[in-house]
Amino acid sequence: MPYVNIHTHRPTGVDIEPSSIGLHPWDAGKEPFNADDFIARAAAVQAVGEIGLDFLRGGNRKQQEDVLRLQLKAAEMLCKPVILHCVKAFEPMMKIVEEYRLPAVVFHGFTGSPQQAARAVGEGYFLSFGERVIRSPKAKESLRMTPDENLFLETDDAELGIADIYSFAAGVRGTTVETLQDVILKNYNKIFSKE
């Protein structure tokens, strides 16, 4: 059974790795954002992302929010799932995302608290966990408690392979890699089967 790697900067061409396009919050405001051009390019991929808010390393917060809203509007118009980058901006992100009708919302690289995880899951959002969860006790608890139907795994920009992430997550969740592969493939198909 294949591995689904919902977000990676190092595609293998072997695993299921959805195509996406997005202006990262670190780059918001560095150059003008052309919404028409973005919509044309986003129409050719599976998801809009990685987009979002980063109040730790990103630039001007208003610029980040403005660019995020333009990309969410494009995703809504194209009926594309979004892959969110969210650092130190959980509350603002939740408020902004709820304004749009999106087919799926994935918080990538989730390292938030179990309370934040429960809130996102309560809205029907997906949480994706990667290498950073290994070093974070609160993120491990969030990984442990995330329902199967809201779960994804990823490598992001890590050199660690997706098989290693699945193995770690299976240990945290008290299950098998094969079970996780099945669960996450179902989630992937639920989001992307409408293409």
N, C-alpha and C. Protein backbone atom coordinates (compact mmCIF):
# COMPACT_ATOMS: atom_id res chain seq x y z
N MET A 1 0.85 -1.19 0.00
CA MET A 1 0.00 0.00 0.00
C MET A 1 0.89 1.24 0.00
N PRO A 2 0.51 2.27 -0.76
CA PRO A 2 1.34 3.48 -0.85
C PRO A 2 1.23 4.34 0.42
N TYR A 3 2.26 5.16 0.59
CA TYR A 3 2.23 6.18 1.63
C TYR A 3 1.65 7.45 1.03
N VAL A 4 0.77 8.11 1.77
CA VAL A 4 0.33 9.46 1.40
C VAL A 4 1.20 10.43 2.20
N ASN A 5 1.86 11.32 1.49
CA ASN A 5 2.67 12.37 2.09
C ASN A 5 1.98 13.68 1.71
N ILE A 6 1.14 14.19 2.60
CA ILE A 6 0.24 15.30 2.23
C ILE A 6 0.98 16.59 1.94
N HIS A 7 2.22 16.74 2.47
CA HIS A 7 2.97 17.98 2.21
C HIS A 7 4.46 17.69 2.27
N THR A 8 5.12 17.88 1.14
CA THR A 8 6.57 17.67 1.11
C THR A 8 7.25 18.68 0.19
N HIS A 9 8.45 19.06 0.59
CA HIS A 9 9.30 19.90 -0.25
C HIS A 9 10.32 19.04 -1.00
N ARG A 10 10.27 17.72 -0.74
CA ARG A 10 11.21 16.79 -1.36
C ARG A 10 10.45 15.63 -2.00
N PRO A 11 9.72 15.89 -3.08
CA PRO A 11 8.92 14.82 -3.69
C PRO A 11 9.79 13.65 -4.16
N THR A 12 9.27 12.46 -3.96
CA THR A 12 10.00 11.25 -4.35
C THR A 12 9.52 10.72 -5.70
N GLY A 13 8.28 11.04 -6.06
CA GLY A 13 7.71 10.45 -7.26
C GLY A 13 7.26 9.02 -7.03
N VAL A 14 7.42 8.54 -5.81
CA VAL A 14 7.05 7.16 -5.46
C VAL A 14 5.78 7.16 -4.61
N ASP A 15 5.72 8.05 -3.65
CA ASP A 15 4.58 8.13 -2.74
C ASP A 15 3.46 8.97 -3.36
N ILE A 16 2.31 8.98 -2.72
CA ILE A 16 1.22 9.86 -3.14
C ILE A 16 1.50 11.23 -2.53
N GLU A 17 1.80 12.18 -3.41
CA GLU A 17 2.23 13.52 -2.99
C GLU A 17 1.42 14.55 -3.78
N PRO A 18 0.33 15.06 -3.20
CA PRO A 18 -0.52 15.99 -3.94
C PRO A 18 0.23 17.23 -4.41
N SER A 19 -0.09 17.67 -5.61
CA SER A 19 0.50 18.90 -6.14
C SER A 19 -0.23 20.10 -5.54
N SER A 20 0.54 21.14 -5.27
CA SER A 20 -0.07 22.34 -4.69
C SER A 20 0.73 23.57 -5.09
N ILE A 21 0.09 24.71 -4.92
CA ILE A 21 0.76 25.99 -5.18
C ILE A 21 0.24 27.00 -4.17
N GLY A 22 1.16 27.83 -3.68
CA GLY A 22 0.75 28.85 -2.73
C GLY A 22 1.90 29.79 -2.43
N LEU A 23 1.55 30.99 -2.00
CA LEU A 23 2.56 31.95 -1.57
C LEU A 23 2.70 31.83 -0.06
N HIS A 24 3.86 31.39 0.37
CA HIS A 24 4.16 31.18 1.80
C HIS A 24 4.10 32.51 2.54
N PRO A 25 3.66 32.49 3.80
CA PRO A 25 3.57 33.76 4.54
C PRO A 25 4.92 34.47 4.70
N TRP A 26 6.03 33.74 4.66
CA TRP A 26 7.34 34.39 4.74
C TRP A 26 7.58 35.30 3.54
N ASP A 27 6.90 35.00 2.44
CA ASP A 27 7.12 35.77 1.20
C ASP A 27 6.05 36.83 0.96
N ALA A 28 5.05 36.90 1.83
CA ALA A 28 3.99 37.90 1.67
C ALA A 28 4.58 39.30 1.71
N GLY A 29 4.23 40.10 0.73
CA GLY A 29 4.69 41.48 0.70
C GLY A 29 6.03 41.67 0.01
N LYS A 30 6.72 40.58 -0.33
CA LYS A 30 8.02 40.72 -1.00
C LYS A 30 7.86 41.12 -2.46
N GLU A 31 6.73 40.72 -3.03
CA GLU A 31 6.43 41.10 -4.42
C GLU A 31 4.93 41.21 -4.55
N PRO A 32 4.45 41.94 -5.53
CA PRO A 32 2.99 42.07 -5.69
C PRO A 32 2.35 40.70 -5.95
N PHE A 33 1.17 40.51 -5.38
CA PHE A 33 0.44 39.26 -5.57
C PHE A 33 -0.60 39.47 -6.66
N ASN A 34 -0.49 38.72 -7.75
CA ASN A 34 -1.41 38.82 -8.87
C ASN A 34 -2.45 37.72 -8.74
N ALA A 35 -3.65 38.10 -8.31
CA ALA A 35 -4.70 37.11 -8.04
C ALA A 35 -5.11 36.35 -9.29
N ASP A 36 -5.22 37.01 -10.42
CA ASP A 36 -5.63 36.34 -11.65
C ASP A 36 -4.61 35.29 -12.07
N ASP A 37 -3.34 35.65 -12.00
CA ASP A 37 -2.28 34.70 -12.35
C ASP A 37 -2.29 33.52 -11.38
N PHE A 38 -2.50 33.82 -10.09
CA PHE A 38 -2.52 32.75 -9.10
C PHE A 38 -3.68 31.79 -9.36
N ILE A 39 -4.85 32.30 -9.66
CA ILE A 39 -6.01 31.45 -9.94
C ILE A 39 -5.73 30.55 -11.14
N ALA A 40 -5.12 31.09 -12.18
CA ALA A 40 -4.81 30.29 -13.37
C ALA A 40 -3.84 29.15 -13.02
N ARG A 41 -2.83 29.45 -12.21
CA ARG A 41 -1.86 28.41 -11.83
C ARG A 41 -2.47 27.42 -10.84
N ALA A 42 -3.30 27.89 -9.94
CA ALA A 42 -3.92 27.01 -8.94
C ALA A 42 -4.91 26.04 -9.57
N ALA A 43 -5.48 26.42 -10.69
CA ALA A 43 -6.44 25.53 -11.37
C ALA A 43 -5.78 24.23 -11.83
N ALA A 44 -4.47 24.25 -12.00
CA ALA A 44 -3.75 23.10 -12.54
C ALA A 44 -3.19 22.15 -11.47
N VAL A 45 -3.41 22.46 -10.20
CA VAL A 45 -2.88 21.62 -9.12
C VAL A 45 -4.01 21.08 -8.26
N GLN A 46 -3.66 20.20 -7.32
CA GLN A 46 -4.67 19.56 -6.49
C GLN A 46 -5.10 20.39 -5.29
N ALA A 47 -4.19 21.22 -4.78
CA ALA A 47 -4.49 21.96 -3.55
C ALA A 47 -3.83 23.33 -3.58
N VAL A 48 -4.34 24.23 -2.75
CA VAL A 48 -3.73 25.54 -2.58
C VAL A 48 -2.93 25.49 -1.28
N GLY A 49 -1.65 25.69 -1.40
CA GLY A 49 -0.80 25.63 -0.21
C GLY A 49 0.66 25.51 -0.60
N GLU A 50 1.46 25.76 0.24
CA GLU A 50 1.31 26.04 1.64
C GLU A 50 1.09 27.54 1.79
N ILE A 51 0.00 27.88 2.41
CA ILE A 51 -0.37 29.28 2.63
C ILE A 51 -0.65 29.46 4.12
N GLY A 52 -0.66 30.70 4.58
CA GLY A 52 -1.04 30.86 5.98
C GLY A 52 -0.52 32.10 6.66
N LEU A 53 -0.29 31.93 7.96
CA LEU A 53 0.18 33.01 8.84
C LEU A 53 1.33 32.49 9.67
N ASP A 54 2.36 33.32 9.80
CA ASP A 54 3.50 32.99 10.65
C ASP A 54 3.87 34.24 11.42
N PHE A 55 3.44 34.31 12.68
CA PHE A 55 3.68 35.49 13.50
C PHE A 55 5.01 35.40 14.25
N LEU A 56 5.79 34.36 13.95
CA LEU A 56 7.11 34.22 14.54
C LEU A 56 8.18 34.69 13.56
N ARG A 57 8.10 34.20 12.31
CA ARG A 57 9.14 34.50 11.32
C ARG A 57 8.64 35.29 10.12
N GLY A 58 7.35 35.40 9.97
CA GLY A 58 6.82 36.08 8.79
C GLY A 58 7.00 37.59 8.86
N GLY A 59 6.66 38.23 7.77
CA GLY A 59 6.76 39.68 7.71
C GLY A 59 5.54 40.36 8.30
N ASN A 60 5.18 41.46 7.72
CA ASN A 60 4.06 42.28 8.16
C ASN A 60 2.78 41.45 8.28
N ARG A 61 2.15 41.47 9.43
CA ARG A 61 0.97 40.64 9.67
C ARG A 61 -0.20 40.99 8.75
N LYS A 62 -0.40 42.27 8.51
CA LYS A 62 -1.50 42.67 7.63
C LYS A 62 -1.26 42.15 6.22
N GLN A 63 -0.04 42.26 5.74
CA GLN A 63 0.28 41.73 4.41
C GLN A 63 0.05 40.22 4.36
N GLN A 64 0.47 39.52 5.40
CA GLN A 64 0.24 38.07 5.46
C GLN A 64 -1.25 37.75 5.38
N GLU A 65 -2.05 38.48 6.16
CA GLU A 65 -3.49 38.23 6.17
C GLU A 65 -4.12 38.56 4.83
N ASP A 66 -3.69 39.65 4.22
CA ASP A 66 -4.25 40.03 2.92
C ASP A 66 -3.96 38.96 1.86
N VAL A 67 -2.73 38.50 1.80
CA VAL A 67 -2.35 37.48 0.82
C VAL A 67 -3.05 36.16 1.13
N LEU A 68 -3.15 35.82 2.40
CA LEU A 68 -3.87 34.60 2.78
C LEU A 68 -5.32 34.66 2.29
N ARG A 69 -5.98 35.77 2.52
CA ARG A 69 -7.38 35.91 2.11
C ARG A 69 -7.54 35.78 0.58
N LEU A 70 -6.64 36.37 -0.16
CA LEU A 70 -6.70 36.25 -1.63
C LEU A 70 -6.57 34.79 -2.06
N GLN A 71 -5.68 34.06 -1.40
CA GLN A 71 -5.47 32.66 -1.77
C GLN A 71 -6.64 31.78 -1.30
N LEU A 72 -7.20 32.08 -0.15
CA LEU A 72 -8.39 31.34 0.30
C LEU A 72 -9.57 31.59 -0.63
N LYS A 73 -9.69 32.83 -1.10
CA LYS A 73 -10.76 33.16 -2.04
C LYS A 73 -10.59 32.36 -3.33
N ALA A 74 -9.35 32.25 -3.80
CA ALA A 74 -9.07 31.46 -5.01
C ALA A 74 -9.39 30.00 -4.78
N ALA A 75 -9.00 29.46 -3.63
CA ALA A 75 -9.29 28.05 -3.31
C ALA A 75 -10.78 27.81 -3.25
N GLU A 76 -11.51 28.75 -2.65
CA GLU A 76 -12.97 28.63 -2.58
C GLU A 76 -13.58 28.63 -3.98
N MET A 77 -13.13 29.55 -4.81
CA MET A 77 -13.65 29.66 -6.16
C MET A 77 -13.36 28.39 -6.98
N LEU A 78 -12.17 27.83 -6.81
CA LEU A 78 -11.76 26.65 -7.56
C LEU A 78 -12.16 25.33 -6.88
N CYS A 79 -12.73 25.45 -5.68
CA CYS A 79 -13.12 24.28 -4.89
C CYS A 79 -11.92 23.37 -4.63
N LYS A 80 -10.83 23.99 -4.15
CA LYS A 80 -9.58 23.26 -3.86
C LYS A 80 -9.36 23.20 -2.34
N PRO A 81 -8.86 22.07 -1.86
CA PRO A 81 -8.43 22.00 -0.45
C PRO A 81 -7.28 22.98 -0.22
N VAL A 82 -7.09 23.38 1.04
CA VAL A 82 -5.97 24.25 1.39
C VAL A 82 -5.06 23.55 2.39
N ILE A 83 -3.76 23.83 2.24
CA ILE A 83 -2.74 23.32 3.16
C ILE A 83 -2.17 24.54 3.87
N LEU A 84 -2.40 24.60 5.18
CA LEU A 84 -2.10 25.79 5.95
C LEU A 84 -0.81 25.70 6.74
N HIS A 85 -0.05 26.78 6.69
CA HIS A 85 1.11 27.00 7.54
C HIS A 85 0.63 27.94 8.64
N CYS A 86 0.74 27.52 9.89
CA CYS A 86 0.23 28.33 10.99
C CYS A 86 1.21 28.28 12.15
N VAL A 87 1.88 29.41 12.40
CA VAL A 87 2.84 29.49 13.51
C VAL A 87 2.49 30.69 14.37
N LYS A 88 2.21 30.43 15.64
CA LYS A 88 1.87 31.48 16.61
C LYS A 88 0.71 32.35 16.13
N ALA A 89 -0.22 31.72 15.38
CA ALA A 89 -1.32 32.50 14.81
C ALA A 89 -2.61 31.67 14.76
N PHE A 90 -2.77 30.74 15.69
CA PHE A 90 -3.89 29.81 15.62
C PHE A 90 -5.25 30.51 15.66
N GLU A 91 -5.44 31.41 16.61
CA GLU A 91 -6.74 32.09 16.73
C GLU A 91 -7.06 32.94 15.50
N PRO A 92 -6.14 33.80 15.04
CA PRO A 92 -6.44 34.55 13.82
C PRO A 92 -6.72 33.64 12.63
N MET A 93 -5.96 32.55 12.52
CA MET A 93 -6.16 31.62 11.40
C MET A 93 -7.56 31.01 11.44
N MET A 94 -7.98 30.56 12.61
CA MET A 94 -9.30 29.95 12.73
C MET A 94 -10.39 30.95 12.33
N LYS A 95 -10.24 32.19 12.75
CA LYS A 95 -11.25 33.21 12.43
C LYS A 95 -11.30 33.49 10.93
N ILE A 96 -10.16 33.56 10.31
CA ILE A 96 -10.12 33.87 8.87
C ILE A 96 -10.65 32.70 8.05
N VAL A 97 -10.20 31.49 8.34
CA VAL A 97 -10.57 30.33 7.53
C VAL A 97 -12.08 30.08 7.58
N GLU A 98 -12.71 30.34 8.71
CA GLU A 98 -14.15 30.06 8.82
C GLU A 98 -14.99 30.96 7.91
N GLU A 99 -14.40 32.02 7.37
CA GLU A 99 -15.12 32.91 6.46
C GLU A 99 -15.30 32.32 5.06
N TYR A 100 -14.59 31.22 4.77
CA TYR A 100 -14.59 30.67 3.41
C TYR A 100 -15.19 29.27 3.39
N ARG A 101 -15.79 28.94 2.25
CA ARG A 101 -16.35 27.60 2.05
C ARG A 101 -15.32 26.79 1.27
N LEU A 102 -14.61 25.95 1.98
CA LEU A 102 -13.50 25.18 1.40
C LEU A 102 -13.81 23.69 1.50
N PRO A 103 -13.42 22.91 0.50
CA PRO A 103 -13.71 21.48 0.55
C PRO A 103 -12.92 20.75 1.64
N ALA A 104 -11.74 21.26 1.99
CA ALA A 104 -10.95 20.65 3.06
C ALA A 104 -9.88 21.63 3.51
N VAL A 105 -9.58 21.58 4.80
CA VAL A 105 -8.54 22.42 5.41
C VAL A 105 -7.57 21.49 6.13
N VAL A 106 -6.29 21.60 5.78
CA VAL A 106 -5.25 20.77 6.39
C VAL A 106 -4.26 21.71 7.09
N PHE A 107 -4.14 21.59 8.40
CA PHE A 107 -3.09 22.29 9.14
C PHE A 107 -1.83 21.43 9.03
N HIS A 108 -0.87 21.88 8.24
CA HIS A 108 0.32 21.05 8.04
C HIS A 108 1.34 21.30 9.15
N GLY A 109 2.17 20.28 9.40
CA GLY A 109 3.21 20.39 10.41
C GLY A 109 2.64 20.77 11.76
N PHE A 110 1.51 20.20 12.13
CA PHE A 110 0.81 20.62 13.34
C PHE A 110 1.64 20.31 14.59
N THR A 111 1.87 21.33 15.40
CA THR A 111 2.56 21.15 16.68
C THR A 111 1.79 21.83 17.80
N GLY A 112 0.53 22.10 17.56
CA GLY A 112 -0.29 22.79 18.54
C GLY A 112 -0.69 21.91 19.71
N SER A 113 -1.35 22.52 20.66
CA SER A 113 -1.79 21.84 21.88
C SER A 113 -2.96 20.91 21.59
N PRO A 114 -3.22 19.96 22.49
CA PRO A 114 -4.40 19.12 22.33
C PRO A 114 -5.70 19.94 22.28
N GLN A 115 -5.75 21.06 22.98
CA GLN A 115 -6.94 21.91 22.96
C GLN A 115 -7.13 22.53 21.57
N GLN A 116 -6.03 23.00 20.97
CA GLN A 116 -6.10 23.54 19.62
C GLN A 116 -6.47 22.43 18.63
N ALA A 117 -5.89 21.26 18.81
CA ALA A 117 -6.20 20.13 17.93
C ALA A 117 -7.69 19.82 18.00
N ALA A 118 -8.23 19.76 19.21
CA ALA A 118 -9.66 19.44 19.38
C ALA A 118 -10.53 20.51 18.71
N ARG A 119 -10.12 21.75 18.82
CA ARG A 119 -10.90 22.83 18.21
C ARG A 119 -10.89 22.72 16.69
N ALA A 120 -9.72 22.48 16.11
CA ALA A 120 -9.62 22.34 14.65
C ALA A 120 -10.41 21.13 14.16
N VAL A 121 -10.25 20.02 14.85
CA VAL A 121 -10.98 18.79 14.49
C VAL A 121 -12.49 19.02 14.62
N GLY A 122 -12.90 19.79 15.63
CA GLY A 122 -14.31 20.10 15.82
C GLY A 122 -14.92 20.85 14.64
N GLU A 123 -14.08 21.57 13.92
CA GLU A 123 -14.52 22.28 12.70
C GLU A 123 -14.45 21.39 11.47
N GLY A 124 -13.97 20.16 11.66
CA GLY A 124 -13.86 19.23 10.53
C GLY A 124 -12.55 19.35 9.78
N TYR A 125 -11.58 20.07 10.34
CA TYR A 125 -10.30 20.26 9.68
C TYR A 125 -9.40 19.04 9.90
N PHE A 126 -8.42 18.92 9.04
CA PHE A 126 -7.43 17.85 9.14
C PHE A 126 -6.16 18.38 9.80
N LEU A 127 -5.47 17.50 10.53
CA LEU A 127 -4.19 17.83 11.13
C LEU A 127 -3.14 16.91 10.53
N SER A 128 -2.05 17.49 10.07
CA SER A 128 -0.96 16.71 9.50
C SER A 128 0.26 16.86 10.39
N PHE A 129 0.88 15.74 10.69
CA PHE A 129 2.02 15.72 11.60
C PHE A 129 3.26 15.27 10.85
N GLY A 130 4.38 15.91 11.17
CA GLY A 130 5.66 15.58 10.56
C GLY A 130 6.74 15.40 11.59
N GLU A 131 7.97 15.62 11.17
CA GLU A 131 9.14 15.37 12.02
C GLU A 131 9.11 16.16 13.33
N ARG A 132 8.57 17.36 13.32
CA ARG A 132 8.62 18.21 14.52
C ARG A 132 7.83 17.62 15.69
N VAL A 133 6.88 16.75 15.40
CA VAL A 133 6.10 16.13 16.48
C VAL A 133 6.98 15.25 17.36
N ILE A 134 8.07 14.76 16.81
CA ILE A 134 8.98 13.87 17.56
C ILE A 134 9.54 14.57 18.79
N ARG A 135 9.75 15.89 18.68
CA ARG A 135 10.39 16.65 19.77
C ARG A 135 9.42 17.40 20.66
N SER A 136 8.13 17.25 20.43
CA SER A 136 7.16 18.06 21.17
C SER A 136 6.15 17.19 21.91
N PRO A 137 6.22 17.15 23.24
CA PRO A 137 5.25 16.35 24.01
C PRO A 137 3.80 16.75 23.75
N LYS A 138 3.53 18.06 23.63
CA LYS A 138 2.14 18.48 23.40
C LYS A 138 1.68 18.05 22.01
N ALA A 139 2.56 18.11 21.02
CA ALA A 139 2.19 17.68 19.67
C ALA A 139 1.99 16.17 19.62
N LYS A 140 2.79 15.43 20.39
CA LYS A 140 2.59 13.97 20.46
C LYS A 140 1.20 13.65 21.02
N GLU A 141 0.79 14.40 22.03
CA GLU A 141 -0.55 14.18 22.59
C GLU A 141 -1.63 14.55 21.56
N SER A 142 -1.38 15.62 20.80
CA SER A 142 -2.33 15.99 19.74
C SER A 142 -2.39 14.88 18.68
N LEU A 143 -1.26 14.33 18.32
CA LEU A 143 -1.21 13.22 17.36
C LEU A 143 -1.97 12.01 17.91
N ARG A 144 -1.76 11.72 19.17
CA ARG A 144 -2.41 10.57 19.80
C ARG A 144 -3.94 10.71 19.78
N MET A 145 -4.43 11.91 20.00
CA MET A 145 -5.88 12.11 20.17
C MET A 145 -6.62 12.48 18.88
N THR A 146 -5.91 12.79 17.81
CA THR A 146 -6.59 13.16 16.56
C THR A 146 -7.35 11.97 16.00
N PRO A 147 -8.63 12.12 15.72
CA PRO A 147 -9.39 11.00 15.15
C PRO A 147 -8.82 10.57 13.80
N ASP A 148 -8.96 9.28 13.52
CA ASP A 148 -8.48 8.74 12.24
C ASP A 148 -8.94 9.57 11.06
N GLU A 149 -10.20 9.97 11.08
CA GLU A 149 -10.78 10.66 9.92
C GLU A 149 -10.29 12.09 9.74
N ASN A 150 -9.43 12.58 10.63
CA ASN A 150 -8.88 13.94 10.53
C ASN A 150 -7.35 13.94 10.44
N LEU A 151 -6.77 12.80 10.14
CA LEU A 151 -5.32 12.63 10.26
C LEU A 151 -4.60 12.58 8.92
N PHE A 152 -3.48 13.27 8.84
CA PHE A 152 -2.51 13.13 7.75
C PHE A 152 -1.10 13.12 8.34
N LEU A 153 -0.15 12.63 7.55
CA LEU A 153 1.26 12.66 7.91
C LEU A 153 2.04 13.24 6.75
N GLU A 154 3.23 13.77 7.04
CA GLU A 154 4.00 14.48 6.03
C GLU A 154 5.49 14.49 6.37
N THR A 155 6.30 14.81 5.36
CA THR A 155 7.72 15.04 5.61
C THR A 155 8.07 16.52 5.61
N ASP A 156 7.25 17.36 4.99
CA ASP A 156 7.53 18.80 4.87
C ASP A 156 8.92 18.97 4.24
N ASP A 157 9.84 19.64 4.94
CA ASP A 157 11.18 19.84 4.38
C ASP A 157 12.22 18.95 5.05
N ALA A 158 11.78 17.97 5.84
CA ALA A 158 12.71 17.10 6.56
C ALA A 158 13.36 16.10 5.63
N GLU A 159 14.56 15.68 6.01
CA GLU A 159 15.24 14.63 5.27
C GLU A 159 14.71 13.25 5.66
N LEU A 160 14.04 13.18 6.79
CA LEU A 160 13.44 11.93 7.24
C LEU A 160 12.40 11.47 6.23
N GLY A 161 12.39 10.19 5.91
CA GLY A 161 11.44 9.66 4.93
C GLY A 161 10.05 9.50 5.51
N ILE A 162 9.07 9.42 4.62
CA ILE A 162 7.68 9.30 5.06
C ILE A 162 7.44 7.99 5.79
N ALA A 163 8.14 6.93 5.41
CA ALA A 163 7.98 5.65 6.11
C ALA A 163 8.38 5.79 7.58
N ASP A 164 9.42 6.59 7.85
CA ASP A 164 9.85 6.82 9.23
C ASP A 164 8.80 7.60 10.02
N ILE A 165 8.17 8.57 9.38
CA ILE A 165 7.11 9.35 10.04
C ILE A 165 5.93 8.43 10.38
N TYR A 166 5.54 7.57 9.44
CA TYR A 166 4.45 6.63 9.70
C TYR A 166 4.80 5.69 10.85
N SER A 167 6.02 5.21 10.87
CA SER A 167 6.45 4.29 11.93
C SER A 167 6.38 4.97 13.30
N PHE A 168 6.87 6.21 13.38
CA PHE A 168 6.82 6.95 14.64
C PHE A 168 5.37 7.18 15.06
N ALA A 169 4.54 7.63 14.12
CA ALA A 169 3.14 7.92 14.43
C ALA A 169 2.40 6.66 14.86
N ALA A 170 2.70 5.54 14.25
CA ALA A 170 2.05 4.28 14.64
C ALA A 170 2.39 3.94 16.09
N GLY A 171 3.64 4.17 16.48
CA GLY A 171 4.04 3.92 17.87
C GLY A 171 3.31 4.82 18.85
N VAL A 172 3.20 6.11 18.51
CA VAL A 172 2.50 7.07 19.38
C VAL A 172 1.02 6.69 19.51
N ARG A 173 0.42 6.26 18.42
CA ARG A 173 -1.02 5.98 18.40
C ARG A 173 -1.35 4.55 18.81
N GLY A 174 -0.33 3.70 19.01
CA GLY A 174 -0.58 2.32 19.41
C GLY A 174 -1.25 1.51 18.33
N THR A 175 -0.80 1.71 17.09
CA THR A 175 -1.38 0.99 15.97
C THR A 175 -0.26 0.51 15.05
N THR A 176 -0.61 0.06 13.86
CA THR A 176 0.40 -0.41 12.91
C THR A 176 0.55 0.58 11.77
N VAL A 177 1.68 0.51 11.11
CA VAL A 177 1.91 1.34 9.93
C VAL A 177 0.87 1.05 8.87
N GLU A 178 0.54 -0.23 8.69
CA GLU A 178 -0.44 -0.62 7.68
C GLU A 178 -1.82 -0.01 7.96
N THR A 179 -2.20 0.02 9.22
CA THR A 179 -3.48 0.64 9.59
C THR A 179 -3.46 2.13 9.26
N LEU A 180 -2.35 2.80 9.59
CA LEU A 180 -2.23 4.23 9.27
C LEU A 180 -2.27 4.47 7.77
N GLN A 181 -1.60 3.61 7.01
CA GLN A 181 -1.64 3.76 5.55
C GLN A 181 -3.08 3.70 5.04
N ASP A 182 -3.83 2.76 5.55
CA ASP A 182 -5.22 2.59 5.13
C ASP A 182 -6.06 3.81 5.52
N VAL A 183 -5.93 4.25 6.77
CA VAL A 183 -6.69 5.40 7.29
C VAL A 183 -6.39 6.66 6.48
N ILE A 184 -5.11 6.92 6.25
CA ILE A 184 -4.71 8.17 5.59
C ILE A 184 -5.03 8.13 4.10
N LEU A 185 -4.94 6.97 3.49
CA LEU A 185 -5.35 6.86 2.08
C LEU A 185 -6.84 7.15 1.93
N LYS A 186 -7.64 6.68 2.88
CA LYS A 186 -9.08 6.99 2.85
C LYS A 186 -9.31 8.49 2.97
N ASN A 187 -8.57 9.15 3.84
CA ASN A 187 -8.70 10.60 4.00
C ASN A 187 -8.30 11.32 2.71
N TYR A 188 -7.22 10.88 2.11
CA TYR A 188 -6.76 11.46 0.85
C TYR A 188 -7.84 11.31 -0.22
N ASN A 189 -8.38 10.11 -0.34
CA ASN A 189 -9.41 9.86 -1.36
C ASN A 189 -10.67 10.68 -1.10
N LYS A 190 -10.99 10.88 0.18
CA LYS A 190 -12.17 11.68 0.54
C LYS A 190 -12.01 13.13 0.04
N ILE A 191 -10.81 13.66 0.15
CA ILE A 191 -10.56 15.04 -0.26
C ILE A 191 -10.42 15.17 -1.79
N PHE A 192 -9.68 14.25 -2.38
CA PHE A 192 -9.28 14.44 -3.77
C PHE A 192 -10.05 13.59 -4.78
N SER A 193 -11.00 12.80 -4.35
CA SER A 193 -11.73 11.94 -5.28
C SER A 193 -12.68 12.72 -6.19
N LYS A 194 -12.92 13.99 -5.86
CA LYS A 194 -13.84 14.80 -6.66
C LYS A 194 -13.18 15.40 -7.88
N GLU A 195 -11.88 15.16 -8.05
CA GLU A 195 -11.15 15.78 -9.17
C GLU A 195 -11.61 15.23 -10.49
